[in-house]
Amino acid sequence: MQKRLLILLLFIFSLVFIVRFTMFPDSSLGIGISKGEINLIPFKSLGNPISSNFIVNVGGNILLFIPFGFILPLRYPKISRLPTVTLVGVWLSDPN
């Protein structure tokens, strides 16, 4: 029972963490867009693919979803194959 509760709490925490840093970025940390600005143009915030901002943005998103990729199969054993977990992560990362 305690293992299931721990997995559930980790799953919820990872989702809250992802939502916090993707939907409500804090400009004081040097990441994301400034407060009050809405970006409706896909990939605009990524910038030049060879710039350090691009690498930090894409790398940060990948690092943000790694814990979710480990916790998801623990919470939902039917979703345990790497392609399925990857698709769920891609779906979650692109709300459009």
N, C-alpha and C. Protein backbone atom coordinates (compact mmCIF):
# COMPACT_ATOMS: atom_id res chain seq x y z
N MET A 1 0.82 -1.20 0.00
CA MET A 1 0.00 0.00 0.00
C MET A 1 0.87 1.26 0.00
N GLN A 2 1.92 1.28 0.81
CA GLN A 2 2.76 2.46 0.89
C GLN A 2 3.53 2.68 -0.42
N LYS A 3 3.90 1.59 -1.10
CA LYS A 3 4.61 1.73 -2.37
C LYS A 3 3.69 2.38 -3.41
N ARG A 4 2.43 1.96 -3.46
CA ARG A 4 1.47 2.56 -4.40
C ARG A 4 1.24 4.03 -4.10
N LEU A 5 1.16 4.36 -2.83
CA LEU A 5 0.97 5.76 -2.43
C LEU A 5 2.18 6.60 -2.82
N LEU A 6 3.38 6.08 -2.60
CA LEU A 6 4.60 6.79 -2.97
C LEU A 6 4.65 7.02 -4.49
N ILE A 7 4.31 6.00 -5.27
CA ILE A 7 4.30 6.14 -6.72
C ILE A 7 3.27 7.17 -7.15
N LEU A 8 2.10 7.15 -6.53
CA LEU A 8 1.06 8.13 -6.84
C LEU A 8 1.53 9.55 -6.52
N LEU A 9 2.14 9.73 -5.36
CA LEU A 9 2.63 11.05 -4.98
C LEU A 9 3.74 11.53 -5.92
N LEU A 10 4.65 10.64 -6.30
CA LEU A 10 5.70 11.00 -7.24
C LEU A 10 5.12 11.36 -8.60
N PHE A 11 4.10 10.63 -9.03
CA PHE A 11 3.45 10.90 -10.31
C PHE A 11 2.79 12.28 -10.29
N ILE A 12 2.05 12.57 -9.23
CA ILE A 12 1.39 13.87 -9.10
C ILE A 12 2.42 14.99 -9.02
N PHE A 13 3.48 14.77 -8.24
CA PHE A 13 4.53 15.78 -8.11
C PHE A 13 5.19 16.06 -9.46
N SER A 14 5.45 15.00 -10.24
CA SER A 14 6.10 15.22 -11.55
C SER A 14 5.18 16.01 -12.49
N LEU A 15 3.88 15.73 -12.44
CA LEU A 15 2.94 16.49 -13.27
C LEU A 15 2.87 17.95 -12.84
N VAL A 16 2.81 18.18 -11.54
CA VAL A 16 2.77 19.56 -11.02
C VAL A 16 4.06 20.29 -11.39
N PHE A 17 5.18 19.62 -11.29
CA PHE A 17 6.47 20.20 -11.63
C PHE A 17 6.52 20.58 -13.11
N ILE A 18 6.03 19.70 -13.98
CA ILE A 18 6.01 19.97 -15.42
C ILE A 18 5.09 21.15 -15.72
N VAL A 19 3.90 21.14 -15.13
CA VAL A 19 2.95 22.24 -15.37
C VAL A 19 3.52 23.55 -14.85
N ARG A 20 4.13 23.52 -13.70
CA ARG A 20 4.70 24.74 -13.10
C ARG A 20 5.73 25.39 -14.01
N PHE A 21 6.65 24.59 -14.55
CA PHE A 21 7.74 25.17 -15.33
C PHE A 21 7.42 25.35 -16.81
N THR A 22 6.32 24.76 -17.29
CA THR A 22 5.96 24.96 -18.69
C THR A 22 4.84 25.97 -18.86
N MET A 23 3.89 25.97 -17.96
CA MET A 23 2.75 26.88 -18.09
C MET A 23 2.95 28.19 -17.33
N PHE A 24 3.76 28.18 -16.30
CA PHE A 24 3.98 29.37 -15.48
C PHE A 24 5.48 29.62 -15.30
N PRO A 25 6.20 29.92 -16.39
CA PRO A 25 7.65 30.11 -16.27
C PRO A 25 7.96 31.36 -15.46
N ASP A 26 9.04 31.31 -14.74
CA ASP A 26 9.48 32.42 -13.91
C ASP A 26 10.64 33.11 -14.60
N SER A 27 10.42 34.31 -15.07
CA SER A 27 11.47 35.02 -15.81
C SER A 27 12.66 35.37 -14.93
N SER A 28 12.49 35.40 -13.60
CA SER A 28 13.61 35.74 -12.73
C SER A 28 14.66 34.63 -12.71
N LEU A 29 14.28 33.42 -13.13
CA LEU A 29 15.24 32.33 -13.19
C LEU A 29 16.01 32.33 -14.51
N GLY A 30 15.63 33.22 -15.41
CA GLY A 30 16.29 33.28 -16.70
C GLY A 30 15.75 32.27 -17.69
N ILE A 31 14.60 31.69 -17.39
CA ILE A 31 14.00 30.72 -18.31
C ILE A 31 12.61 31.19 -18.68
N GLY A 32 12.14 30.78 -19.83
CA GLY A 32 10.78 31.08 -20.24
C GLY A 32 10.62 32.50 -20.76
N ILE A 33 9.38 32.88 -20.96
CA ILE A 33 9.06 34.19 -21.47
C ILE A 33 8.76 35.11 -20.29
N SER A 34 8.80 36.40 -20.54
CA SER A 34 8.54 37.33 -19.44
C SER A 34 7.08 37.28 -19.03
N LYS A 35 6.81 37.71 -17.83
CA LYS A 35 5.45 37.66 -17.29
C LYS A 35 4.53 38.55 -18.11
N GLY A 36 3.33 38.05 -18.38
CA GLY A 36 2.35 38.80 -19.12
C GLY A 36 2.44 38.65 -20.62
N GLU A 37 3.48 37.99 -21.12
CA GLU A 37 3.65 37.81 -22.55
C GLU A 37 3.14 36.42 -22.96
N ILE A 38 2.35 36.38 -24.01
CA ILE A 38 1.83 35.12 -24.51
C ILE A 38 2.43 34.88 -25.89
N ASN A 39 3.00 33.71 -26.08
CA ASN A 39 3.61 33.36 -27.36
C ASN A 39 2.69 32.40 -28.10
N LEU A 40 2.09 32.84 -29.18
CA LEU A 40 1.20 32.00 -29.98
C LEU A 40 1.85 31.51 -31.27
N ILE A 41 3.11 31.84 -31.46
CA ILE A 41 3.84 31.40 -32.65
C ILE A 41 4.68 30.19 -32.28
N PRO A 42 4.39 29.01 -32.89
CA PRO A 42 5.15 27.80 -32.55
C PRO A 42 6.64 27.98 -32.80
N PHE A 43 7.45 27.50 -31.90
CA PHE A 43 8.91 27.49 -31.96
C PHE A 43 9.55 28.88 -31.91
N LYS A 44 8.78 29.95 -31.73
CA LYS A 44 9.35 31.30 -31.67
C LYS A 44 10.32 31.44 -30.51
N SER A 45 9.97 30.88 -29.37
CA SER A 45 10.81 31.04 -28.18
C SER A 45 12.10 30.22 -28.26
N LEU A 46 12.17 29.28 -29.20
CA LEU A 46 13.37 28.46 -29.31
C LEU A 46 14.52 29.26 -29.91
N GLY A 47 14.22 30.13 -30.86
CA GLY A 47 15.25 30.96 -31.47
C GLY A 47 16.10 30.19 -32.46
N ASN A 48 17.31 30.64 -32.65
CA ASN A 48 18.25 30.04 -33.59
C ASN A 48 18.69 28.66 -33.09
N PRO A 49 18.62 27.62 -33.95
CA PRO A 49 18.96 26.26 -33.50
C PRO A 49 20.40 26.08 -33.04
N ILE A 50 21.30 26.98 -33.40
CA ILE A 50 22.68 26.84 -32.94
C ILE A 50 23.02 27.80 -31.80
N SER A 51 22.02 28.47 -31.27
CA SER A 51 22.26 29.38 -30.15
C SER A 51 22.18 28.61 -28.83
N SER A 52 22.77 29.20 -27.80
CA SER A 52 22.75 28.55 -26.49
C SER A 52 21.34 28.55 -25.90
N ASN A 53 20.50 29.55 -26.24
CA ASN A 53 19.13 29.58 -25.75
C ASN A 53 18.34 28.37 -26.25
N PHE A 54 18.55 28.01 -27.51
CA PHE A 54 17.88 26.84 -28.09
C PHE A 54 18.28 25.57 -27.34
N ILE A 55 19.57 25.42 -27.10
CA ILE A 55 20.08 24.21 -26.43
C ILE A 55 19.55 24.14 -25.00
N VAL A 56 19.54 25.26 -24.31
CA VAL A 56 19.03 25.29 -22.93
C VAL A 56 17.54 24.99 -22.91
N ASN A 57 16.78 25.55 -23.84
CA ASN A 57 15.33 25.35 -23.88
C ASN A 57 14.98 23.89 -24.18
N VAL A 58 15.55 23.34 -25.24
CA VAL A 58 15.25 21.95 -25.61
C VAL A 58 15.80 20.98 -24.57
N GLY A 59 17.04 21.21 -24.14
CA GLY A 59 17.64 20.33 -23.13
C GLY A 59 16.89 20.38 -21.81
N GLY A 60 16.44 21.58 -21.43
CA GLY A 60 15.67 21.71 -20.20
C GLY A 60 14.34 20.98 -20.28
N ASN A 61 13.68 21.04 -21.44
CA ASN A 61 12.42 20.32 -21.60
C ASN A 61 12.63 18.81 -21.53
N ILE A 62 13.70 18.33 -22.12
CA ILE A 62 13.99 16.90 -22.06
C ILE A 62 14.25 16.48 -20.62
N LEU A 63 15.09 17.25 -19.92
CA LEU A 63 15.37 16.93 -18.51
C LEU A 63 14.12 17.00 -17.65
N LEU A 64 13.23 17.91 -17.97
CA LEU A 64 12.00 18.08 -17.20
C LEU A 64 11.10 16.84 -17.30
N PHE A 65 11.13 16.17 -18.46
CA PHE A 65 10.25 15.03 -18.67
C PHE A 65 10.88 13.68 -18.34
N ILE A 66 12.16 13.62 -18.04
CA ILE A 66 12.80 12.34 -17.72
C ILE A 66 12.18 11.67 -16.49
N PRO A 67 11.99 12.37 -15.37
CA PRO A 67 11.35 11.70 -14.22
C PRO A 67 9.96 11.18 -14.55
N PHE A 68 9.20 11.93 -15.33
CA PHE A 68 7.86 11.50 -15.73
C PHE A 68 7.94 10.19 -16.52
N GLY A 69 8.94 10.06 -17.37
CA GLY A 69 9.10 8.84 -18.16
C GLY A 69 9.40 7.61 -17.33
N PHE A 70 10.01 7.80 -16.17
CA PHE A 70 10.27 6.67 -15.28
C PHE A 70 9.07 6.36 -14.38
N ILE A 71 8.36 7.41 -13.97
CA ILE A 71 7.25 7.23 -13.04
C ILE A 71 5.98 6.73 -13.74
N LEU A 72 5.76 7.14 -14.98
CA LEU A 72 4.56 6.75 -15.72
C LEU A 72 4.37 5.24 -15.79
N PRO A 73 5.38 4.44 -16.16
CA PRO A 73 5.17 2.99 -16.19
C PRO A 73 4.97 2.36 -14.81
N LEU A 74 5.51 3.01 -13.78
CA LEU A 74 5.28 2.50 -12.43
C LEU A 74 3.83 2.71 -12.01
N ARG A 75 3.29 3.85 -12.40
CA ARG A 75 1.90 4.19 -12.05
C ARG A 75 0.91 3.42 -12.92
N TYR A 76 1.22 3.30 -14.21
CA TYR A 76 0.35 2.60 -15.16
C TYR A 76 1.15 1.51 -15.87
N PRO A 77 1.17 0.30 -15.32
CA PRO A 77 2.00 -0.78 -15.87
C PRO A 77 1.70 -1.12 -17.33
N LYS A 78 0.49 -0.85 -17.82
CA LYS A 78 0.18 -1.14 -19.22
C LYS A 78 0.94 -0.20 -20.16
N ILE A 79 1.39 0.92 -19.64
CA ILE A 79 2.18 1.86 -20.43
C ILE A 79 3.64 1.68 -20.03
N SER A 80 4.25 0.59 -20.48
CA SER A 80 5.61 0.31 -20.05
C SER A 80 6.60 0.24 -21.21
N ARG A 81 6.12 0.29 -22.44
CA ARG A 81 7.02 0.23 -23.58
C ARG A 81 7.55 1.63 -23.87
N LEU A 82 8.83 1.70 -24.23
CA LEU A 82 9.49 2.98 -24.48
C LEU A 82 8.77 3.83 -25.53
N PRO A 83 8.35 3.25 -26.67
CA PRO A 83 7.65 4.10 -27.65
C PRO A 83 6.35 4.70 -27.10
N THR A 84 5.63 3.93 -26.31
CA THR A 84 4.37 4.42 -25.73
C THR A 84 4.63 5.53 -24.73
N VAL A 85 5.62 5.33 -23.87
CA VAL A 85 5.96 6.35 -22.88
C VAL A 85 6.44 7.62 -23.58
N THR A 86 7.21 7.46 -24.65
CA THR A 86 7.69 8.61 -25.41
C THR A 86 6.52 9.37 -26.04
N LEU A 87 5.57 8.64 -26.62
CA LEU A 87 4.41 9.29 -27.22
C LEU A 87 3.58 10.05 -26.19
N VAL A 88 3.40 9.48 -25.00
CA VAL A 88 2.67 10.16 -23.94
C VAL A 88 3.41 11.44 -23.54
N GLY A 89 4.74 11.37 -23.43
CA GLY A 89 5.52 12.55 -23.09
C GLY A 89 5.43 13.63 -24.15
N VAL A 90 5.47 13.23 -25.43
CA VAL A 90 5.34 14.20 -26.52
C VAL A 90 3.94 14.81 -26.50
N TRP A 91 2.93 13.97 -26.29
CA TRP A 91 1.55 14.47 -26.24
C TRP A 91 1.38 15.46 -25.08
N LEU A 92 1.95 15.13 -23.95
CA LEU A 92 1.83 16.00 -22.78
C LEU A 92 2.59 17.31 -22.97
N SER A 93 3.70 17.24 -23.68
CA SER A 93 4.53 18.45 -23.84
C SER A 93 3.97 19.41 -24.87
N ASP A 94 3.04 18.96 -25.72
CA ASP A 94 2.47 19.84 -26.75
C ASP A 94 0.96 19.92 -26.54
N PRO A 95 0.49 20.91 -25.76
CA PRO A 95 -0.94 20.99 -25.47
C PRO A 95 -1.80 21.40 -26.66
N ASN A 96 -1.21 21.84 -27.75
CA ASN A 96 -1.99 22.23 -28.92
C ASN A 96 -2.34 21.00 -29.66
